[in-house]
Amino acid sequence: MATHRTFVATYIMASGRNRTLYVGMTSNLVARAWKHRNGTFEGFAKENGWRLVWFERHVWVVDAITREKRIKGWKRDWKLKLIEEMNPDWRDLAASWYETTDPNWTPPEED
């Protein structure tokens, strides 16, 4: 999965279709999505079951942070439109990223 680590990302996780949204940024989307899915975060994103419904690649961290802050300030309707333009069925975009059949598999570490 090294190809997923070669970019910085702004992303949106959802607890379900049209439910709670979490906007963030990371330099390791594979590991971050794994943490959201499995509830290893403290606080707001602690519940497991989150799915990656939107992400955008960036070359520079500062661009990802700027985009994250901008999206966090948007109205909910704008966020929903952004998700549905890329992912109208609200599929989990990270669903195929993990070796779920191997009991010894662990997600890559975040940098």
PDB file of N, CA and C in Angstrom:
ATOM      1  N   MET A   1       0.810  -1.194   0.000  1.00  0.00           N
ATOM      2  CA  MET A   1       0.000   0.000   0.000  1.00  0.00           C
ATOM      3  C   MET A   1       0.856   1.261   0.000  1.00  0.00           C
ATOM      4  N   ALA A   2       2.090   1.165  -0.350  1.00  0.00           N
ATOM      5  CA  ALA A   2       2.982   2.318  -0.298  1.00  0.00           C
ATOM      6  C   ALA A   2       2.476   3.478  -1.140  1.00  0.00           C
ATOM      7  N   THR A   3       1.732   3.218  -2.177  1.00  0.00           N
ATOM      8  CA  THR A   3       1.245   4.295  -3.033  1.00  0.00           C
ATOM      9  C   THR A   3       0.324   5.251  -2.282  1.00  0.00           C
ATOM     10  N   HIS A   4      -0.369   4.770  -1.257  1.00  0.00           N
ATOM     11  CA  HIS A   4      -1.263   5.634  -0.491  1.00  0.00           C
ATOM     12  C   HIS A   4      -0.497   6.551   0.452  1.00  0.00           C
ATOM     13  N   ARG A   5       0.778   6.275   0.700  1.00  0.00           N
ATOM     14  CA  ARG A   5       1.569   7.078   1.624  1.00  0.00           C
ATOM     15  C   ARG A   5       2.347   8.159   0.907  1.00  0.00           C
ATOM     16  N   THR A   6       2.245   8.248  -0.390  1.00  0.00           N
ATOM     17  CA  THR A   6       3.066   9.181  -1.146  1.00  0.00           C
ATOM     18  C   THR A   6       2.426  10.550  -1.312  1.00  0.00           C
ATOM     19  N   PHE A   7       1.365  10.820  -0.609  1.00  0.00           N
ATOM     20  CA  PHE A   7       0.718  12.121  -0.717  1.00  0.00           C
ATOM     21  C   PHE A   7       0.119  12.537   0.625  1.00  0.00           C
ATOM     22  N   VAL A   8      -0.087  13.811   0.755  1.00  0.00           N
ATOM     23  CA  VAL A   8      -0.795  14.381   1.905  1.00  0.00           C
ATOM     24  C   VAL A   8      -2.258  14.459   1.483  1.00  0.00           C
ATOM     25  N   ALA A   9      -3.171  14.257   2.419  1.00  0.00           N
ATOM     26  CA  ALA A   9      -4.585  14.252   2.060  1.00  0.00           C
ATOM     27  C   ALA A   9      -5.424  15.051   3.040  1.00  0.00           C
ATOM     28  N   THR A  10      -6.425  15.695   2.492  1.00  0.00           N
ATOM     29  CA  THR A  10      -7.540  16.219   3.266  1.00  0.00           C
ATOM     30  C   THR A  10      -8.636  15.188   3.063  1.00  0.00           C
ATOM     31  N   TYR A  11      -9.367  14.838   4.115  1.00  0.00           N
ATOM     32  CA  TYR A  11     -10.327  13.747   3.985  1.00  0.00           C
ATOM     33  C   TYR A  11     -11.586  14.019   4.805  1.00  0.00           C
ATOM     34  N   ILE A  12     -12.644  13.284   4.455  1.00  0.00           N
ATOM     35  CA  ILE A  12     -13.882  13.314   5.236  1.00  0.00           C
ATOM     36  C   ILE A  12     -14.260  11.879   5.563  1.00  0.00           C
ATOM     37  N   MET A  13     -14.467  11.635   6.854  1.00  0.00           N
ATOM     38  CA  MET A  13     -14.985  10.359   7.331  1.00  0.00           C
ATOM     39  C   MET A  13     -16.443  10.585   7.709  1.00  0.00           C
ATOM     40  N   ALA A  14     -17.264   9.549   7.573  1.00  0.00           N
ATOM     41  CA  ALA A  14     -18.678   9.654   7.941  1.00  0.00           C
ATOM     42  C   ALA A  14     -19.064   8.465   8.810  1.00  0.00           C
ATOM     43  N   SER A  15     -19.930   8.708   9.773  1.00  0.00           N
ATOM     44  CA  SER A  15     -20.419   7.627  10.625  1.00  0.00           C
ATOM     45  C   SER A  15     -21.578   6.888   9.953  1.00  0.00           C
ATOM     46  N   GLY A  16     -22.011   7.372   8.822  1.00  0.00           N
ATOM     47  CA  GLY A  16     -23.084   6.771   8.040  1.00  0.00           C
ATOM     48  C   GLY A  16     -23.552   7.781   7.007  1.00  0.00           C
ATOM     49  N   ARG A  17     -24.374   7.344   6.087  1.00  0.00           N
ATOM     50  CA  ARG A  17     -24.858   8.256   5.056  1.00  0.00           C
ATOM     51  C   ARG A  17     -25.642   9.401   5.694  1.00  0.00           C
ATOM     52  N   ASN A  18     -25.236  10.612   5.374  1.00  0.00           N
ATOM     53  CA  ASN A  18     -25.870  11.819   5.894  1.00  0.00           C
ATOM     54  C   ASN A  18     -25.893  11.888   7.416  1.00  0.00           C
ATOM     55  N   ARG A  19     -24.909  11.263   8.058  1.00  0.00           N
ATOM     56  CA  ARG A  19     -24.815  11.331   9.520  1.00  0.00           C
ATOM     57  C   ARG A  19     -23.633  12.215   9.904  1.00  0.00           C
ATOM     58  N   THR A  20     -22.965  11.911  10.978  1.00  0.00           N
ATOM     59  CA  THR A  20     -21.874  12.738  11.472  1.00  0.00           C
ATOM     60  C   THR A  20     -20.678  12.702  10.530  1.00  0.00           C
ATOM     61  N   LEU A  21     -20.088  13.871  10.282  1.00  0.00           N
ATOM     62  CA  LEU A  21     -18.919  13.995   9.411  1.00  0.00           C
ATOM     63  C   LEU A  21     -17.715  14.432  10.232  1.00  0.00           C
ATOM     64  N   TYR A  22     -16.542  13.942   9.831  1.00  0.00           N
ATOM     65  CA  TYR A  22     -15.278  14.349  10.448  1.00  0.00           C
ATOM     66  C   TYR A  22     -14.351  14.766   9.323  1.00  0.00           C
ATOM     67  N   VAL A  23     -13.844  15.988   9.383  1.00  0.00           N
ATOM     68  CA  VAL A  23     -12.918  16.498   8.371  1.00  0.00           C
ATOM     69  C   VAL A  23     -11.529  16.544   8.993  1.00  0.00           C
ATOM     70  N   GLY A  24     -10.535  16.022   8.275  1.00  0.00           N
ATOM     71  CA  GLY A  24      -9.174  16.027   8.786  1.00  0.00           C
ATOM     72  C   GLY A  24      -8.155  16.077   7.667  1.00  0.00           C
ATOM     73  N   MET A  25      -6.880  16.042   8.053  1.00  0.00           N
ATOM     74  CA  MET A  25      -5.790  15.960   7.082  1.00  0.00           C
ATOM     75  C   MET A  25      -4.713  15.057   7.653  1.00  0.00           C
ATOM     76  N   THR A  26      -3.961  14.410   6.775  1.00  0.00           N
ATOM     77  CA  THR A  26      -2.937  13.473   7.204  1.00  0.00           C
ATOM     78  C   THR A  26      -1.904  13.264   6.109  1.00  0.00           C
ATOM     79  N   SER A  27      -0.736  12.788   6.503  1.00  0.00           N
ATOM     80  CA  SER A  27       0.277  12.399   5.525  1.00  0.00           C
ATOM     81  C   SER A  27       0.294  10.883   5.347  1.00  0.00           C
ATOM     82  N   ASN A  28      -0.610  10.174   6.034  1.00  0.00           N
ATOM     83  CA  ASN A  28      -0.713   8.721   5.897  1.00  0.00           C
ATOM     84  C   ASN A  28      -2.186   8.329   5.980  1.00  0.00           C
ATOM     85  N   LEU A  29      -2.869   8.427   4.866  1.00  0.00           N
ATOM     86  CA  LEU A  29      -4.309   8.191   4.832  1.00  0.00           C
ATOM     87  C   LEU A  29      -4.678   6.753   5.178  1.00  0.00           C
ATOM     88  N   VAL A  30      -3.839   5.803   4.818  1.00  0.00           N
ATOM     89  CA  VAL A  30      -4.124   4.395   5.123  1.00  0.00           C
ATOM     90  C   VAL A  30      -4.207   4.190   6.639  1.00  0.00           C
ATOM     91  N   ALA A  31      -3.189   4.645   7.350  1.00  0.00           N
ATOM     92  CA  ALA A  31      -3.178   4.475   8.807  1.00  0.00           C
ATOM     93  C   ALA A  31      -4.282   5.288   9.471  1.00  0.00           C
ATOM     94  N   ARG A  32      -4.506   6.507   9.015  1.00  0.00           N
ATOM     95  CA  ARG A  32      -5.521   7.365   9.623  1.00  0.00           C
ATOM     96  C   ARG A  32      -6.921   6.784   9.426  1.00  0.00           C
ATOM     97  N   ALA A  33      -7.225   6.317   8.231  1.00  0.00           N
ATOM     98  CA  ALA A  33      -8.542   5.717   7.986  1.00  0.00           C
ATOM     99  C   ALA A  33      -8.730   4.478   8.860  1.00  0.00           C
ATOM    100  N   TRP A  34      -7.667   3.685   9.027  1.00  0.00           N
ATOM    101  CA  TRP A  34      -7.722   2.495   9.886  1.00  0.00           C
ATOM    102  C   TRP A  34      -8.080   2.899  11.321  1.00  0.00           C
ATOM    103  N   LYS A  35      -7.444   3.944  11.822  1.00  0.00           N
ATOM    104  CA  LYS A  35      -7.716   4.391  13.189  1.00  0.00           C
ATOM    105  C   LYS A  35      -9.162   4.844  13.352  1.00  0.00           C
ATOM    106  N   HIS A  36      -9.672   5.566  12.370  1.00  0.00           N
ATOM    107  CA  HIS A  36     -11.079   5.994  12.431  1.00  0.00           C
ATOM    108  C   HIS A  36     -12.014   4.787  12.388  1.00  0.00           C
ATOM    109  N   ARG A  37     -11.734   3.857  11.500  1.00  0.00           N
ATOM    110  CA  ARG A  37     -12.608   2.690  11.326  1.00  0.00           C
ATOM    111  C   ARG A  37     -12.681   1.840  12.586  1.00  0.00           C
ATOM    112  N   ASN A  38     -11.580   1.796  13.341  1.00  0.00           N
ATOM    113  CA  ASN A  38     -11.493   0.900  14.477  1.00  0.00           C
ATOM    114  C   ASN A  38     -11.574   1.594  15.836  1.00  0.00           C
ATOM    115  N   GLY A  39     -11.871   2.886  15.831  1.00  0.00           N
ATOM    116  CA  GLY A  39     -12.114   3.607  17.070  1.00  0.00           C
ATOM    117  C   GLY A  39     -10.906   3.772  17.966  1.00  0.00           C
ATOM    118  N   THR A  40      -9.713   3.935  17.390  1.00  0.00           N
ATOM    119  CA  THR A  40      -8.519   4.079  18.217  1.00  0.00           C
ATOM    120  C   THR A  40      -8.186   5.536  18.526  1.00  0.00           C
ATOM    121  N   PHE A  41      -9.025   6.473  18.115  1.00  0.00           N
ATOM    122  CA  PHE A  41      -8.855   7.882  18.447  1.00  0.00           C
ATOM    123  C   PHE A  41      -9.557   8.187  19.757  1.00  0.00           C
ATOM    124  N   GLU A  42      -9.049   9.160  20.482  1.00  0.00           N
ATOM    125  CA  GLU A  42      -9.741   9.652  21.670  1.00  0.00           C
ATOM    126  C   GLU A  42     -10.672  10.784  21.242  1.00  0.00           C
ATOM    127  N   GLY A  43     -11.704  11.028  22.035  1.00  0.00           N
ATOM    128  CA  GLY A  43     -12.582  12.165  21.790  1.00  0.00           C
ATOM    129  C   GLY A  43     -13.635  11.918  20.733  1.00  0.00           C
ATOM    130  N   PHE A  44     -13.870  12.938  19.922  1.00  0.00           N
ATOM    131  CA  PHE A  44     -14.971  12.974  18.961  1.00  0.00           C
ATOM    132  C   PHE A  44     -15.022  11.748  18.054  1.00  0.00           C
ATOM    133  N   ALA A  45     -13.881  11.319  17.549  1.00  0.00           N
ATOM    134  CA  ALA A  45     -13.845  10.219  16.580  1.00  0.00           C
ATOM    135  C   ALA A  45     -13.599   8.865  17.234  1.00  0.00           C
ATOM    136  N   LYS A  46     -13.848   8.732  18.522  1.00  0.00           N
ATOM    137  CA  LYS A  46     -13.579   7.503  19.258  1.00  0.00           C
ATOM    138  C   LYS A  46     -14.432   6.327  18.801  1.00  0.00           C
ATOM    139  N   GLU A  47     -15.684   6.585  18.463  1.00  0.00           N
ATOM    140  CA  GLU A  47     -16.566   5.489  18.040  1.00  0.00           C
ATOM    141  C   GLU A  47     -16.012   4.841  16.788  1.00  0.00           C
ATOM    142  N   ASN A  48     -16.131   3.517  16.703  1.00  0.00           N
ATOM    143  CA  ASN A  48     -15.654   2.860  15.487  1.00  0.00           C
ATOM    144  C   ASN A  48     -16.768   2.802  14.452  1.00  0.00           C
ATOM    145  N   GLY A  49     -16.425   2.368  13.260  1.00  0.00           N
ATOM    146  CA  GLY A  49     -17.407   2.265  12.191  1.00  0.00           C
ATOM    147  C   GLY A  49     -17.376   3.415  11.207  1.00  0.00           C
ATOM    148  N   TRP A  50     -16.476   4.373  11.409  1.00  0.00           N
ATOM    149  CA  TRP A  50     -16.363   5.472  10.459  1.00  0.00           C
ATOM    150  C   TRP A  50     -15.908   4.940   9.120  1.00  0.00           C
ATOM    151  N   ARG A  51     -16.322   5.587   8.051  1.00  0.00           N
ATOM    152  CA  ARG A  51     -15.845   5.201   6.719  1.00  0.00           C
ATOM    153  C   ARG A  51     -15.350   6.426   5.972  1.00  0.00           C
ATOM    154  N   LEU A  52     -14.337   6.197   5.166  1.00  0.00           N
ATOM    155  CA  LEU A  52     -13.755   7.257   4.351  1.00  0.00           C
ATOM    156  C   LEU A  52     -14.670   7.491   3.157  1.00  0.00           C
ATOM    157  N   VAL A  53     -15.264   8.682   3.069  1.00  0.00           N
ATOM    158  CA  VAL A  53     -16.218   8.952   1.986  1.00  0.00           C
ATOM    159  C   VAL A  53     -15.709   9.971   0.979  1.00  0.00           C
ATOM    160  N   TRP A  54     -14.617  10.673   1.318  1.00  0.00           N
ATOM    161  CA  TRP A  54     -14.058  11.664   0.398  1.00  0.00           C
ATOM    162  C   TRP A  54     -12.621  11.941   0.801  1.00  0.00           C
ATOM    163  N   PHE A  55     -11.754  12.124  -0.189  1.00  0.00           N
ATOM    164  CA  PHE A  55     -10.415  12.617   0.102  1.00  0.00           C
ATOM    165  C   PHE A  55      -9.869  13.331  -1.124  1.00  0.00           C
ATOM    166  N   GLU A  56      -8.876  14.161  -0.860  1.00  0.00           N
ATOM    167  CA  GLU A  56      -8.258  14.961  -1.903  1.00  0.00           C
ATOM    168  C   GLU A  56      -6.750  14.955  -1.640  1.00  0.00           C
ATOM    169  N   ARG A  57      -5.979  14.708  -2.684  1.00  0.00           N
ATOM    170  CA  ARG A  57      -4.523  14.662  -2.557  1.00  0.00           C
ATOM    171  C   ARG A  57      -3.922  16.060  -2.643  1.00  0.00           C
ATOM    172  N   HIS A  58      -2.840  16.234  -1.895  1.00  0.00           N
ATOM    173  CA  HIS A  58      -2.095  17.492  -1.918  1.00  0.00           C
ATOM    174  C   HIS A  58      -0.606  17.173  -1.934  1.00  0.00           C
ATOM    175  N   VAL A  59       0.167  18.032  -2.531  1.00  0.00           N
ATOM    176  CA  VAL A  59       1.614  17.880  -2.533  1.00  0.00           C
ATOM    177  C   VAL A  59       2.196  18.443  -1.241  1.00  0.00           C
ATOM    178  N   TRP A  60       1.652  19.553  -0.784  1.00  0.00           N
ATOM    179  CA  TRP A  60       2.195  20.266   0.362  1.00  0.00           C
ATOM    180  C   TRP A  60       1.257  20.181   1.559  1.00  0.00           C
ATOM    181  N   VAL A  61       1.817  19.981   2.734  1.00  0.00           N
ATOM    182  CA  VAL A  61       1.044  19.914   3.971  1.00  0.00           C
ATOM    183  C   VAL A  61       0.246  21.193   4.187  1.00  0.00           C
ATOM    184  N   VAL A  62       0.855  22.336   3.927  1.00  0.00           N
ATOM    185  CA  VAL A  62       0.175  23.611   4.142  1.00  0.00           C
ATOM    186  C   VAL A  62      -1.096  23.708   3.292  1.00  0.00           C
ATOM    187  N   ASP A  63      -1.074  23.146   2.091  1.00  0.00           N
ATOM    188  CA  ASP A  63      -2.270  23.151   1.243  1.00  0.00           C
ATOM    189  C   ASP A  63      -3.367  22.264   1.830  1.00  0.00           C
ATOM    190  N   ALA A  64      -2.984  21.112   2.373  1.00  0.00           N
ATOM    191  CA  ALA A  64      -3.961  20.209   2.987  1.00  0.00           C
ATOM    192  C   ALA A  64      -4.580  20.839   4.232  1.00  0.00           C
ATOM    193  N   ILE A  65      -3.767  21.504   5.023  1.00  0.00           N
ATOM    194  CA  ILE A  65      -4.276  22.168   6.226  1.00  0.00           C
ATOM    195  C   ILE A  65      -5.226  23.304   5.857  1.00  0.00           C
ATOM    196  N   THR A  66      -4.857  24.093   4.865  1.00  0.00           N
ATOM    197  CA  THR A  66      -5.710  25.191   4.409  1.00  0.00           C
ATOM    198  C   THR A  66      -7.051  24.656   3.926  1.00  0.00           C
ATOM    199  N   ARG A  67      -7.021  23.585   3.139  1.00  0.00           N
ATOM    200  CA  ARG A  67      -8.257  22.987   2.624  1.00  0.00           C
ATOM    201  C   ARG A  67      -9.103  22.420   3.761  1.00  0.00           C
ATOM    202  N   GLU A  68      -8.461  21.756   4.718  1.00  0.00           N
ATOM    203  CA  GLU A  68      -9.179  21.208   5.875  1.00  0.00           C
ATOM    204  C   GLU A  68      -9.915  22.322   6.621  1.00  0.00           C
ATOM    205  N   LYS A  69      -9.225  23.389   6.917  1.00  0.00           N
ATOM    206  CA  LYS A  69      -9.843  24.501   7.647  1.00  0.00           C
ATOM    207  C   LYS A  69     -10.977  25.129   6.859  1.00  0.00           C
ATOM    208  N   ARG A  70     -10.790  25.245   5.551  1.00  0.00           N
ATOM    209  CA  ARG A  70     -11.841  25.832   4.710  1.00  0.00           C
ATOM    210  C   ARG A  70     -13.094  24.950   4.741  1.00  0.00           C
ATOM    211  N   ILE A  71     -12.909  23.639   4.560  1.00  0.00           N
ATOM    212  CA  ILE A  71     -14.061  22.720   4.551  1.00  0.00           C
ATOM    213  C   ILE A  71     -14.743  22.692   5.908  1.00  0.00           C
ATOM    214  N   LYS A  72     -13.977  22.723   6.989  1.00  0.00           N
ATOM    215  CA  LYS A  72     -14.574  22.730   8.326  1.00  0.00           C
ATOM    216  C   LYS A  72     -15.484  23.938   8.520  1.00  0.00           C
ATOM    217  N   GLY A  73     -15.195  25.038   7.831  1.00  0.00           N
ATOM    218  CA  GLY A  73     -16.013  26.240   7.941  1.00  0.00           C
ATOM    219  C   GLY A  73     -17.243  26.246   7.040  1.00  0.00           C
ATOM    220  N   TRP A  74     -17.351  25.257   6.180  1.00  0.00           N
ATOM    221  CA  TRP A  74     -18.479  25.200   5.250  1.00  0.00           C
ATOM    222  C   TRP A  74     -19.771  24.798   5.942  1.00  0.00           C
ATOM    223  N   LYS A  75     -20.882  25.163   5.295  1.00  0.00           N
ATOM    224  CA  LYS A  75     -22.190  24.673   5.698  1.00  0.00           C
ATOM    225  C   LYS A  75     -22.256  23.175   5.396  1.00  0.00           C
ATOM    226  N   ARG A  76     -23.061  22.475   6.146  1.00  0.00           N
ATOM    227  CA  ARG A  76     -23.202  21.018   5.972  1.00  0.00           C
ATOM    228  C   ARG A  76     -23.614  20.649   4.554  1.00  0.00           C
ATOM    229  N   ASP A  77     -24.533  21.403   3.969  1.00  0.00           N
ATOM    230  CA  ASP A  77     -25.000  21.115   2.610  1.00  0.00           C
ATOM    231  C   ASP A  77     -23.846  21.133   1.609  1.00  0.00           C
ATOM    232  N   TRP A  78     -22.903  22.031   1.792  1.00  0.00           N
ATOM    233  CA  TRP A  78     -21.764  22.123   0.883  1.00  0.00           C
ATOM    234  C   TRP A  78     -20.876  20.890   1.025  1.00  0.00           C
ATOM    235  N   LYS A  79     -20.707  20.423   2.270  1.00  0.00           N
ATOM    236  CA  LYS A  79     -19.902  19.219   2.501  1.00  0.00           C
ATOM    237  C   LYS A  79     -20.569  17.999   1.855  1.00  0.00           C
ATOM    238  N   LEU A  80     -21.875  17.894   2.010  1.00  0.00           N
ATOM    239  CA  LEU A  80     -22.603  16.769   1.412  1.00  0.00           C
ATOM    240  C   LEU A  80     -22.466  16.789  -0.102  1.00  0.00           C
ATOM    241  N   LYS A  81     -22.559  17.966  -0.692  1.00  0.00           N
ATOM    242  CA  LYS A  81     -22.412  18.092  -2.145  1.00  0.00           C
ATOM    243  C   LYS A  81     -21.011  17.659  -2.581  1.00  0.00           C
ATOM    244  N   LEU A  82     -19.982  18.069  -1.834  1.00  0.00           N
ATOM    245  CA  LEU A  82     -18.612  17.686  -2.140  1.00  0.00           C
ATOM    246  C   LEU A  82     -18.456  16.162  -2.123  1.00  0.00           C
ATOM    247  N   ILE A  83     -18.997  15.523  -1.093  1.00  0.00           N
ATOM    248  CA  ILE A  83     -18.927  14.063  -0.993  1.00  0.00           C
ATOM    249  C   ILE A  83     -19.653  13.412  -2.157  1.00  0.00           C
ATOM    250  N   GLU A  84     -20.877  13.845  -2.418  1.00  0.00           N
ATOM    251  CA  GLU A  84     -21.713  13.181  -3.411  1.00  0.00           C
ATOM    252  C   GLU A  84     -21.247  13.404  -4.840  1.00  0.00           C
ATOM    253  N   GLU A  85     -20.474  14.460  -5.092  1.00  0.00           N
ATOM    254  CA  GLU A  85     -19.888  14.635  -6.421  1.00  0.00           C
ATOM    255  C   GLU A  85     -18.851  13.555  -6.704  1.00  0.00           C
ATOM    256  N   MET A  86     -18.101  13.154  -5.697  1.00  0.00           N
ATOM    257  CA  MET A  86     -17.061  12.135  -5.850  1.00  0.00           C
ATOM    258  C   MET A  86     -17.580  10.734  -5.551  1.00  0.00           C
ATOM    259  N   ASN A  87     -18.508  10.634  -4.615  1.00  0.00           N
ATOM    260  CA  ASN A  87     -18.918   9.347  -4.078  1.00  0.00           C
ATOM    261  C   ASN A  87     -20.425   9.340  -3.817  1.00  0.00           C
ATOM    262  N   PRO A  88     -21.247   9.316  -4.872  1.00  0.00           N
ATOM    263  CA  PRO A  88     -22.695   9.448  -4.698  1.00  0.00           C
ATOM    264  C   PRO A  88     -23.340   8.333  -3.864  1.00  0.00           C
ATOM    265  N   ASP A  89     -22.707   7.172  -3.788  1.00  0.00           N
ATOM    266  CA  ASP A  89     -23.261   6.056  -3.019  1.00  0.00           C
ATOM    267  C   ASP A  89     -22.712   5.979  -1.595  1.00  0.00           C
ATOM    268  N   TRP A  90     -21.865   6.927  -1.222  1.00  0.00           N
ATOM    269  CA  TRP A  90     -21.259   6.973   0.106  1.00  0.00           C
ATOM    270  C   TRP A  90     -20.512   5.676   0.421  1.00  0.00           C
ATOM    271  N   ARG A  91     -19.851   5.102  -0.574  1.00  0.00           N
ATOM    272  CA  ARG A  91     -19.047   3.888  -0.350  1.00  0.00           C
ATOM    273  C   ARG A  91     -17.865   4.216   0.550  1.00  0.00           C
ATOM    274  N   ASP A  92     -17.356   3.214   1.246  1.00  0.00           N
ATOM    275  CA  ASP A  92     -16.127   3.376   2.024  1.00  0.00           C
ATOM    276  C   ASP A  92     -14.967   3.257   1.048  1.00  0.00           C
ATOM    277  N   LEU A  93     -14.307   4.363   0.764  1.00  0.00           N
ATOM    278  CA  LEU A  93     -13.245   4.391  -0.236  1.00  0.00           C
ATOM    279  C   LEU A  93     -12.003   3.623   0.207  1.00  0.00           C
ATOM    280  N   ALA A  94     -11.900   3.324   1.491  1.00  0.00           N
ATOM    281  CA  ALA A  94     -10.747   2.585   2.014  1.00  0.00           C
ATOM    282  C   ALA A  94     -11.049   1.108   2.244  1.00  0.00           C
ATOM    283  N   ALA A  95     -12.216   0.664   1.843  1.00  0.00           N
ATOM    284  CA  ALA A  95     -12.645  -0.711   2.146  1.00  0.00           C
ATOM    285  C   ALA A  95     -11.680  -1.775   1.622  1.00  0.00           C
ATOM    286  N   SER A  96     -11.048  -1.542   0.500  1.00  0.00           N
ATOM    287  CA  SER A  96     -10.164  -2.558  -0.078  1.00  0.00           C
ATOM    288  C   SER A  96      -8.693  -2.363   0.308  1.00  0.00           C
ATOM    289  N   TRP A  97      -8.409  -1.448   1.204  1.00  0.00           N
ATOM    290  CA  TRP A  97      -7.022  -1.139   1.559  1.00  0.00           C
ATOM    291  C   TRP A  97      -6.431  -2.066   2.604  1.00  0.00           C
ATOM    292  N   TYR A  98      -7.222  -2.887   3.258  1.00  0.00           N
ATOM    293  CA  TYR A  98      -6.754  -3.644   4.404  1.00  0.00           C
ATOM    294  C   TYR A  98      -6.852  -5.149   4.186  1.00  0.00           C
ATOM    295  N   GLU A  99      -5.860  -5.850   4.698  1.00  0.00           N
ATOM    296  CA  GLU A  99      -5.802  -7.308   4.597  1.00  0.00           C
ATOM    297  C   GLU A  99      -6.658  -7.917   5.703  1.00  0.00           C
ATOM    298  N   THR A 100      -7.946  -7.880   5.527  1.00  0.00           N
ATOM    299  CA  THR A 100      -8.844  -8.311   6.601  1.00  0.00           C
ATOM    300  C   THR A 100      -8.839  -9.822   6.802  1.00  0.00           C
ATOM    301  N   THR A 101      -8.340 -10.600   5.853  1.00  0.00           N
ATOM    302  CA  THR A 101      -8.337 -12.054   6.003  1.00  0.00           C
ATOM    303  C   THR A 101      -7.108 -12.556   6.755  1.00  0.00           C
ATOM    304  N   ASP A 102      -6.108 -11.717   6.976  1.00  0.00           N
ATOM    305  CA  ASP A 102      -4.893 -12.115   7.673  1.00  0.00           C
ATOM    306  C   ASP A 102      -4.969 -11.646   9.123  1.00  0.00           C
ATOM    307  N   PRO A 103      -5.098 -12.566  10.084  1.00  0.00           N
ATOM    308  CA  PRO A 103      -5.255 -12.161  11.496  1.00  0.00           C
ATOM    309  C   PRO A 103      -4.024 -11.487  12.075  1.00  0.00           C
ATOM    310  N   ASN A 104      -2.865 -11.629  11.449  1.00  0.00           N
ATOM    311  CA  ASN A 104      -1.638 -11.013  11.936  1.00  0.00           C
ATOM    312  C   ASN A 104      -1.334  -9.663  11.290  1.00  0.00           C
ATOM    313  N   TRP A 105      -2.199  -9.217  10.381  1.00  0.00           N
ATOM    314  CA  TRP A 105      -1.944  -7.965   9.681  1.00  0.00           C
ATOM    315  C   TRP A 105      -2.192  -6.776  10.596  1.00  0.00           C
ATOM    316  N   THR A 106      -1.316  -5.796  10.546  1.00  0.00           N
ATOM    317  CA  THR A 106      -1.510  -4.563  11.295  1.00  0.00           C
ATOM    318  C   THR A 106      -1.378  -3.393  10.322  1.00  0.00           C
ATOM    319  N   PRO A 107      -2.085  -2.304  10.587  1.00  0.00           N
ATOM    320  CA  PRO A 107      -2.021  -1.166   9.683  1.00  0.00           C
ATOM    321  C   PRO A 107      -0.651  -0.514   9.748  1.00  0.00           C
ATOM    322  N   PRO A 108      -0.249   0.195   8.687  1.00  0.00           N
ATOM    323  CA  PRO A 108       1.031   0.909   8.724  1.00  0.00           C
ATOM    324  C   PRO A 108       1.001   1.995   9.779  1.00  0.00           C
ATOM    325  N   GLU A 109       2.154   2.273  10.346  1.00  0.00           N
ATOM    326  CA  GLU A 109       2.264   3.321  11.361  1.00  0.00           C
ATOM    327  C   GLU A 109       2.152   4.695  10.733  1.00  0.00           C
ATOM    328  N   GLU A 110       1.549   5.627  11.458  1.00  0.00           N
ATOM    329  CA  GLU A 110       1.527   7.019  11.019  1.00  0.00           C
ATOM    330  C   GLU A 110       2.879   7.629  11.314  1.00  0.00           C
ATOM    331  N   ASP A 111       3.332   8.524  10.429  1.00  0.00           N
ATOM    332  CA  ASP A 111       4.605   9.211  10.645  1.00  0.00           C
ATOM    333  C   ASP A 111       4.487  10.280  11.679  1.00  0.00           C
TER     334      ASP A 111
END
